[in-house]
């Protein structure tokens, strides 16, 4: 279709406003694409088609790839006269017969190709830019969603359950004594109301959990947030005695300790080095609401990456704790067990027999709603690049056919 836009010698002078068969085809294609959420796919295809067509046309005008150099009689006479005069000025003995030689053909080919290329660019690019503008505008229309009001979320999602959402902020000593609790928890609390009573936020609580007896970072953070009124109102601090650095046991004890105390619709597993992005908190609430209304049998929502941003239905979180416990026993026998974050993700995906009912129900955000602070102080592995897993990154499961991206 793009190549058919190229001006040809048997048509009148090119004009963007001329309604050609190709323009009608283009309108029909847009009518087929615009109602759907595949506008970027369509735009990418159009751009690739444009450059492919330009390349093919350029090569064929040079006489390659089965093409022939076509010139009009007028162009041929003009080029021959220009070459003759130029060469005559250099060599008085130059004869007319030389004009028909190889140099003349090369010159004509280059000039014809360059002229045709610029002609194509001037004629086709405005059409492409106009269509891309339509596609981008349609993409914004498809992806824009208004924020769900707090009272609507609270009244829609199991209002009879005391807590809608309990976020478990997992914290443990890190390499080189790095601590991120203050920055991460501050990003949570920035979204909570200061004084007024809110129907939604009275059903959201944050629990900072550790099972390390000696952890100065935990003590310092608790002392700091105890001076902030809304932190005292919405944040609980839970500590179990211990010193073993075992992430699976840490998660098992946290999920069971907190998941069996308070009635909560959702139980979120969060890592202490993943603060929320700007507008990420509201996007999380929007995603949870839409998961409840559009995917009725879902087991949870995933808005982060790795072991953070995993928001389980409470019963599913307790089931996942048995998977982690089984992994602890597997590792104790010297066998290879999957990393704890993979086990949790597999449960939400329904890829473990304990969570088989969750298959095909996972809901994710389009992008990561949390950014990664502790890239160089990870408690497992050698760390990550500082630009990995940051705000705006595509959520890793976005695009999988058995995942609902809302």
Protein backbone atom coordinates (compact mmCIF):
# COMPACT_ATOMS: atom_id res chain seq x y z
CA UNK A 1 0.00 0.00 0.00
CA UNK A 2 2.84 2.40 0.84
CA UNK A 3 4.55 1.69 -2.46
CA UNK A 4 1.33 2.41 -4.32
CA UNK A 5 1.50 5.93 -2.87
CA UNK A 6 4.63 6.64 -4.91
CA UNK A 7 4.01 9.20 -7.67
CA UNK A 8 4.06 7.71 -11.17
CA UNK A 9 4.58 9.31 -14.55
CA UNK A 10 1.06 8.56 -15.80
CA UNK A 11 -0.70 10.51 -13.03
CA UNK A 12 -1.20 14.20 -12.54
CA UNK A 13 1.11 16.18 -10.31
CA UNK A 14 1.20 14.66 -6.78
CA UNK A 15 -0.93 16.43 -4.24
CA UNK A 16 -1.61 15.37 -0.66
CA UNK A 17 -5.26 16.25 -1.10
CA UNK A 18 -5.80 14.06 -4.17
CA UNK A 19 -8.14 11.23 -3.14
CA UNK A 20 -6.48 8.16 -4.56
CA UNK A 21 -7.35 4.50 -4.29
CA UNK A 22 -4.61 4.16 -1.67
CA UNK A 23 -6.16 6.81 0.55
CA UNK A 24 -9.45 4.89 0.49
CA UNK A 25 -7.57 1.70 1.42
CA UNK A 26 -5.84 3.55 4.23
CA UNK A 27 -9.15 4.80 5.64
CA UNK A 28 -10.56 1.27 5.54
CA UNK A 29 -7.50 -0.06 7.37
CA UNK A 30 -7.80 2.61 10.06
CA UNK A 31 -11.48 1.79 10.53
CA UNK A 32 -10.41 -1.81 11.17
CA UNK A 33 -7.59 -0.88 13.56
CA UNK A 34 -8.86 2.11 15.56
CA UNK A 35 -11.58 0.29 17.58
CA UNK A 36 -8.95 -2.16 18.82
CA UNK A 37 -5.88 -1.80 21.03
CA UNK A 38 -3.37 -2.72 18.30
CA UNK A 39 -2.53 0.77 17.11
CA UNK A 40 1.19 0.48 17.92
CA UNK A 41 1.33 -2.75 15.97
CA UNK A 42 -0.29 -1.00 13.01
CA UNK A 43 2.03 2.01 13.27
CA UNK A 44 5.14 -0.17 13.46
CA UNK A 45 3.98 -2.13 10.42
CA UNK A 46 3.43 1.07 8.46
CA UNK A 47 6.89 2.43 9.29
CA UNK A 48 8.59 -0.85 8.39
CA UNK A 49 6.60 -0.99 5.16
CA UNK A 50 7.63 2.57 4.29
CA UNK A 51 11.36 1.96 4.66
CA UNK A 52 11.12 -1.40 2.88
CA UNK A 53 9.29 0.22 -0.03
CA UNK A 54 11.79 3.09 -0.26
CA UNK A 55 14.68 0.62 -0.29
CA UNK A 56 13.06 -1.56 -2.97
CA UNK A 57 12.17 1.43 -5.12
CA UNK A 58 15.66 2.91 -4.79
CA UNK A 59 17.33 -0.35 -5.76
CA UNK A 60 15.04 -0.93 -8.73
CA UNK A 61 15.60 2.58 -10.05
CA UNK A 62 19.31 1.82 -10.00
CA UNK A 63 18.62 -1.17 -12.21
CA UNK A 64 19.05 -3.73 -9.41
CA UNK A 65 16.65 -6.34 -8.02
CA UNK A 66 15.02 -6.76 -11.45
CA UNK A 67 14.41 -3.06 -12.05
CA UNK A 68 15.21 -0.91 -15.07
CA UNK A 69 16.27 2.72 -15.16
CA UNK A 70 13.52 4.61 -16.96
CA UNK A 71 14.11 8.10 -18.26
CA UNK A 72 12.01 10.32 -20.47
CA UNK A 73 13.29 11.64 -23.79
CA UNK A 74 13.41 15.17 -22.37
CA UNK A 75 15.49 14.06 -19.35
CA UNK A 76 17.83 12.13 -21.64
CA UNK A 77 18.43 15.12 -23.91
CA UNK A 78 19.02 17.49 -20.95
CA UNK A 79 21.48 15.13 -19.22
CA UNK A 80 23.38 14.46 -22.46
CA UNK A 81 23.70 18.21 -23.11
CA UNK A 82 24.95 18.88 -19.55
CA UNK A 83 27.53 16.08 -19.73
CA UNK A 84 28.67 17.19 -23.18
CA UNK A 85 29.20 20.80 -22.11
CA UNK A 86 31.00 19.78 -18.91
CA UNK A 87 33.38 17.42 -20.61
CA UNK A 88 33.91 19.78 -23.54
CA UNK A 89 35.12 22.44 -21.10
CA UNK A 90 37.74 19.99 -19.80
CA UNK A 91 38.80 18.51 -23.09
CA UNK A 92 38.31 20.24 -26.43
CA UNK A 93 38.91 16.95 -28.21
CA UNK A 94 35.89 15.36 -26.52
CA UNK A 95 33.55 13.90 -29.12
CA UNK A 96 29.80 13.43 -29.22
CA UNK A 97 30.18 9.69 -29.22
CA UNK A 98 31.49 9.76 -25.64
CA UNK A 99 28.14 10.97 -24.32
CA UNK A 100 26.63 7.54 -24.77
CA UNK A 101 29.36 5.90 -22.67
CA UNK A 102 29.35 4.45 -19.16
CA UNK A 103 29.83 7.80 -17.38
CA UNK A 104 26.63 9.17 -18.87
CA UNK A 105 24.63 6.16 -17.78
CA UNK A 106 26.01 6.30 -14.22
CA UNK A 107 25.24 10.00 -13.93
CA UNK A 108 21.70 9.55 -15.19
CA UNK A 109 21.09 6.63 -12.84
CA UNK A 110 22.27 8.57 -9.80
CA UNK A 111 20.33 11.69 -10.65
CA UNK A 112 17.17 9.74 -11.44
CA UNK A 113 17.37 7.75 -8.20
CA UNK A 114 18.06 10.79 -6.04
CA UNK A 115 15.27 12.78 -7.63
CA UNK A 116 12.81 9.92 -7.25
CA UNK A 117 13.78 9.38 -3.61
CA UNK A 118 13.22 13.02 -2.65
CA UNK A 119 9.95 12.99 -4.58
CA UNK A 120 8.76 9.97 -2.63
CA UNK A 121 9.78 11.49 0.72
CA UNK A 122 7.97 14.76 0.01
CA UNK A 123 4.80 12.99 -1.04
CA UNK A 124 4.52 9.99 1.27
CA UNK A 125 5.91 11.34 4.58
CA UNK A 126 3.00 13.77 5.20
CA UNK A 127 0.57 10.87 4.82
CA UNK A 128 2.59 8.68 7.20
CA UNK A 129 2.91 11.41 9.82
CA UNK A 130 -0.80 12.16 9.64
CA UNK A 131 -1.72 8.49 10.11
CA UNK A 132 0.78 8.05 12.95
CA UNK A 133 -0.79 11.05 14.68
CA UNK A 134 -4.18 9.35 14.43
CA UNK A 135 -2.74 6.08 15.78
CA UNK A 136 -1.03 7.74 18.75
CA UNK A 137 -4.20 9.64 19.60
CA UNK A 138 -6.22 6.41 19.47
CA UNK A 139 -3.68 4.67 21.70
CA UNK A 140 -4.07 7.41 24.30
CA UNK A 141 -7.83 7.00 24.09
CA UNK A 142 -7.65 3.23 24.54
CA UNK A 143 -5.22 3.33 27.48
CA UNK A 144 -6.66 6.27 29.42
CA UNK A 145 -8.66 5.29 32.49
CA UNK A 146 -10.04 7.64 35.11
CA UNK A 147 -9.01 6.99 38.69
CA UNK A 148 -11.58 5.04 40.64
CA UNK A 149 -12.97 7.07 43.60
CA UNK A 150 -11.99 5.76 47.02
CA UNK A 151 -15.53 5.23 48.22
CA UNK A 152 -16.40 3.24 45.09
CA UNK A 153 -13.44 0.90 45.66
CA UNK A 154 -14.29 0.46 49.32
CA UNK A 155 -17.99 -0.18 48.77
CA UNK A 156 -17.49 -2.51 45.81
CA UNK A 157 -14.80 -4.91 47.05
CA UNK A 158 -16.21 -7.02 49.90
CA UNK A 159 -17.24 -4.15 52.19
CA UNK A 160 -18.13 -6.68 54.91
CA UNK A 161 -14.43 -7.64 55.32
CA UNK A 162 -12.63 -5.40 57.85
CA UNK A 163 -9.54 -4.85 55.68
CA UNK A 164 -9.48 -4.53 51.93
CA UNK A 165 -5.69 -4.54 51.62
CA UNK A 166 -2.86 -5.46 53.98
CA UNK A 167 0.60 -4.72 52.63
CA UNK A 168 3.40 -6.70 54.26
CA UNK A 169 6.63 -4.75 53.90
CA UNK A 170 9.38 -7.36 54.22
CA UNK A 171 12.66 -6.03 55.59
CA UNK A 172 15.94 -7.70 56.51
CA UNK A 173 19.61 -6.70 56.90
CA UNK A 174 21.26 -6.00 53.57
CA UNK A 175 24.77 -5.97 52.20
CA UNK A 176 27.00 -3.19 53.51
CA UNK A 177 24.30 -2.16 55.97
CA UNK A 178 22.09 -0.54 53.30
CA UNK A 179 18.57 0.33 54.44
CA UNK A 180 15.66 1.58 52.35
CA UNK A 181 12.73 1.28 54.77
CA UNK A 182 12.29 5.02 55.30
CA UNK A 183 12.15 5.96 51.61
CA UNK A 184 9.94 3.02 50.68
CA UNK A 185 7.46 3.41 53.53
CA UNK A 186 7.34 7.18 52.95
CA UNK A 187 6.24 6.54 49.35
CA UNK A 188 3.35 4.47 50.75
CA UNK A 189 2.28 6.96 53.40
CA UNK A 190 2.41 9.90 50.97
CA UNK A 191 -0.89 8.57 49.59
CA UNK A 192 -2.66 8.30 52.95
CA UNK A 193 -4.82 11.16 54.28
CA UNK A 194 -3.32 13.15 57.14
CA UNK A 195 -6.29 13.65 59.44
CA UNK A 196 -9.67 13.13 57.78
CA UNK A 197 -11.43 9.78 57.94
CA UNK A 198 -11.52 8.00 54.57
CA UNK A 199 -13.70 4.97 53.95
CA UNK A 200 -11.02 3.30 51.83
CA UNK A 201 -7.92 4.07 53.89
CA UNK A 202 -9.60 2.88 57.06
CA UNK A 203 -9.48 -0.52 55.32
CA UNK A 204 -5.83 -0.38 54.26
CA UNK A 205 -2.98 -1.20 56.62
CA UNK A 206 0.77 -1.57 56.28
CA UNK A 207 2.73 -4.10 58.32
CA UNK A 208 6.52 -3.78 58.48
CA UNK A 209 7.81 -7.27 59.22
CA UNK A 210 11.21 -8.73 60.11
CA UNK A 211 12.38 -11.87 61.84
CA UNK A 212 15.77 -10.48 62.85
CA UNK A 213 16.36 -9.73 66.50
CA UNK A 214 19.40 -7.57 65.80
CA UNK A 215 18.45 -5.19 63.00
CA UNK A 216 19.35 -1.50 63.65
CA UNK A 217 17.72 -0.39 60.39
CA UNK A 218 14.35 -1.65 61.59
CA UNK A 219 14.75 0.04 64.97
CA UNK A 220 15.75 3.38 63.44
CA UNK A 221 12.83 3.33 61.00
CA UNK A 222 10.32 2.48 63.73
CA UNK A 223 11.59 5.31 65.93
CA UNK A 224 11.33 7.74 63.02
CA UNK A 225 7.79 6.82 61.91
CA UNK A 226 6.49 6.70 65.49
CA UNK A 227 6.72 10.50 65.40
CA UNK A 228 4.42 10.75 62.32
CA UNK A 229 0.67 10.69 63.15
CA UNK A 230 -0.58 8.88 60.04
CA UNK A 231 2.21 6.31 60.37
CA UNK A 232 1.06 5.58 63.92
CA UNK A 233 -2.47 5.24 62.56
CA UNK A 234 -1.87 3.01 59.56
CA UNK A 235 1.44 1.16 60.16
CA UNK A 236 2.04 -1.86 62.37
CA UNK A 237 5.50 -3.12 63.31
CA UNK A 238 5.92 -6.87 63.74
CA UNK A 239 9.17 -8.53 64.71
CA UNK A 240 9.92 -12.20 65.30
CA UNK A 241 13.08 -13.23 67.07
CA UNK A 242 15.75 -14.82 64.91
CA UNK A 243 18.95 -14.36 62.95
CA UNK A 244 18.84 -16.91 60.11
CA UNK A 245 19.10 -15.39 56.64
CA UNK A 246 16.58 -17.57 54.84
CA UNK A 247 14.18 -15.70 52.60
CA UNK A 248 11.76 -18.61 52.28
CA UNK A 249 11.37 -18.96 56.04
CA UNK A 250 11.07 -15.18 56.31
CA UNK A 251 8.14 -15.16 53.87
CA UNK A 252 6.44 -18.19 55.41
CA UNK A 253 6.49 -16.70 58.90
CA UNK A 254 5.33 -13.28 57.64
CA UNK A 255 2.42 -14.59 55.58
CA UNK A 256 1.18 -16.88 58.34
CA UNK A 257 1.74 -14.44 61.17
CA UNK A 258 -0.07 -11.55 59.47
CA UNK A 259 -2.47 -13.46 57.22
CA UNK A 260 -4.08 -15.29 60.12
CA UNK A 261 -4.53 -12.32 62.46
CA UNK A 262 -6.72 -9.85 60.55
CA UNK A 263 -9.48 -10.50 58.02
CA UNK A 264 -8.24 -8.93 54.77
CA UNK A 265 -9.37 -9.39 51.17
CA UNK A 266 -5.86 -8.99 49.79
CA UNK A 267 -2.44 -9.63 51.29
CA UNK A 268 0.40 -7.89 49.46
CA UNK A 269 4.01 -9.05 49.63
CA UNK A 270 6.33 -6.05 49.26
CA UNK A 271 10.11 -5.73 49.49
CA UNK A 272 11.60 -2.83 51.41
CA UNK A 273 13.61 -1.48 48.43
CA UNK A 274 10.64 -1.01 46.08
CA UNK A 275 8.96 2.37 46.71
CA UNK A 276 5.96 3.34 44.62
CA UNK A 277 6.42 5.38 41.47
CA UNK A 278 4.61 8.67 41.03
CA UNK A 279 0.92 7.80 40.59
CA UNK A 280 1.86 4.14 41.11
CA UNK A 281 -0.21 3.80 44.27
CA UNK A 282 -3.42 4.97 42.59
CA UNK A 283 -2.69 2.74 39.59
CA UNK A 284 -2.40 -0.18 42.00
CA UNK A 285 -5.83 0.61 43.46
CA UNK A 286 -7.30 1.02 39.97
CA UNK A 287 -5.87 -2.35 38.92
CA UNK A 288 -7.21 -4.10 42.02
CA UNK A 289 -10.67 -2.61 41.42
CA UNK A 290 -10.73 -3.65 37.77
CA UNK A 291 -9.46 -7.12 38.68
CA UNK A 292 -12.40 -7.48 41.06
CA UNK A 293 -14.96 -6.26 38.52
CA UNK A 294 -13.58 -7.80 35.31
CA UNK A 295 -11.83 -11.03 36.42
CA UNK A 296 -14.13 -12.35 39.11
CA UNK A 297 -12.22 -15.55 39.90
CA UNK A 298 -8.74 -14.01 39.99
CA UNK A 299 -6.26 -15.08 42.67
CA UNK A 300 -4.22 -11.92 42.78
CA UNK A 301 -2.63 -8.90 41.15
CA UNK A 302 1.02 -8.34 40.21
CA UNK A 303 2.16 -4.70 39.92
CA UNK A 304 5.90 -5.04 40.58
CA UNK A 305 8.66 -7.47 39.73
CA UNK A 306 10.55 -10.25 41.46
CA UNK A 307 9.23 -10.71 44.97
CA UNK A 308 7.63 -7.28 45.30
CA UNK A 309 4.20 -6.10 44.22
CA UNK A 310 2.61 -9.56 44.58
CA UNK A 311 -0.91 -8.94 45.90
CA UNK A 312 -2.65 -12.22 46.79
CA UNK A 313 -6.16 -13.03 47.80
CA UNK A 314 -5.57 -13.86 51.46
CA UNK A 315 -6.46 -17.55 51.13
CA UNK A 316 -4.13 -17.90 48.14
CA UNK A 317 -1.28 -16.26 50.08
CA UNK A 318 -1.70 -18.82 52.85
CA UNK A 319 -1.64 -21.59 50.24
CA UNK A 320 1.56 -20.12 48.78
CA UNK A 321 3.17 -20.32 52.22
CA UNK A 322 2.87 -24.13 52.04
CA UNK A 323 4.66 -24.08 48.67
CA UNK A 324 7.49 -22.06 50.22
CA UNK A 325 7.60 -24.43 53.19
CA UNK A 326 7.93 -27.35 50.80
CA UNK A 327 10.79 -25.52 49.07
CA UNK A 328 12.50 -25.07 52.46
CA UNK A 329 12.38 -28.82 53.01
CA UNK A 330 13.61 -29.49 49.46
CA UNK A 331 16.60 -27.17 49.98
CA UNK A 332 17.33 -28.81 53.38
CA UNK A 333 17.71 -32.14 51.57
CA UNK A 334 20.33 -30.62 49.29
CA UNK A 335 18.05 -30.54 46.27
CA UNK A 336 17.44 -27.54 44.03
CA UNK A 337 14.36 -25.47 44.86
CA UNK A 338 13.11 -22.52 42.80
CA UNK A 339 13.80 -19.01 44.14
CA UNK A 340 11.04 -17.86 46.52
CA UNK A 341 9.83 -15.09 44.21
CA UNK A 342 9.42 -17.59 41.36
CA UNK A 343 7.43 -19.92 43.62
CA UNK A 344 5.09 -17.07 44.54
CA UNK A 345 4.68 -16.04 40.89
CA UNK A 346 4.05 -19.65 39.84
CA UNK A 347 1.26 -19.86 42.41
CA UNK A 348 -0.45 -16.76 41.04
CA UNK A 349 -0.03 -18.15 37.52
CA UNK A 350 -1.62 -21.46 38.57
CA UNK A 351 1.51 -23.37 37.56
CA UNK A 352 1.82 -25.18 40.89
CA UNK A 353 -0.54 -28.01 41.81
CA UNK A 354 -1.45 -26.27 45.08
CA UNK A 355 -2.69 -23.24 43.10
CA UNK A 356 -4.03 -24.92 39.97
CA UNK A 357 -7.36 -23.08 40.31
CA UNK A 358 -5.49 -19.80 39.66
CA UNK A 359 -4.55 -20.74 36.09
CA UNK A 360 -5.45 -18.01 33.62
CA UNK A 361 -6.62 -15.54 36.26
CA UNK A 362 -3.51 -13.46 37.03
CA UNK A 363 -4.05 -9.71 36.66
CA UNK A 364 -1.13 -7.34 36.09
CA UNK A 365 -0.58 -3.64 35.59
CA UNK A 366 0.70 -2.49 32.20
CA UNK A 367 3.96 -1.13 33.65
CA UNK A 368 5.91 -1.51 36.88
CA UNK A 369 4.32 0.61 39.58
CA UNK A 370 7.36 0.36 41.86
CA UNK A 371 11.00 1.26 41.26
CA UNK A 372 14.02 -0.68 42.45
CA UNK A 373 16.33 1.05 44.92
CA UNK A 374 18.45 -1.84 46.14
CA UNK A 375 19.96 -2.87 42.82
CA UNK A 376 23.46 -3.09 44.34
CA UNK A 377 22.53 -4.51 47.74
CA UNK A 378 20.29 -7.41 46.83
CA UNK A 379 20.10 -10.15 49.44
CA UNK A 380 20.43 -12.74 46.66
CA UNK A 381 22.79 -12.84 43.69
CA UNK A 382 25.28 -10.20 42.64
CA UNK A 383 22.78 -7.39 42.22
CA UNK A 384 21.35 -5.66 39.17
CA UNK A 385 22.04 -2.76 36.88
CA UNK A 386 20.81 0.52 38.36
CA UNK A 387 18.54 1.10 35.36
CA UNK A 388 16.76 -2.25 35.68
CA UNK A 389 13.21 -2.60 37.01
CA UNK A 390 12.43 1.10 37.23
CA UNK A 391 9.29 3.17 36.77
CA UNK A 392 7.82 2.91 33.30
CA UNK A 393 9.26 -0.54 32.59
CA UNK A 394 6.81 -2.94 31.01
CA UNK A 395 5.45 -5.34 33.60
CA UNK A 396 7.24 -8.65 32.84
CA UNK A 397 4.00 -10.63 32.43
CA UNK A 398 2.32 -7.98 30.27
CA UNK A 399 1.57 -9.60 26.91
CA UNK A 400 1.39 -13.21 28.03
CA UNK A 401 -1.76 -14.79 26.53
CA UNK A 402 -2.96 -16.27 29.83
CA UNK A 403 -2.56 -13.02 31.81
CA UNK A 404 -5.07 -10.16 32.13
CA UNK A 405 -3.27 -6.83 31.79
CA UNK A 406 -5.58 -4.06 32.99
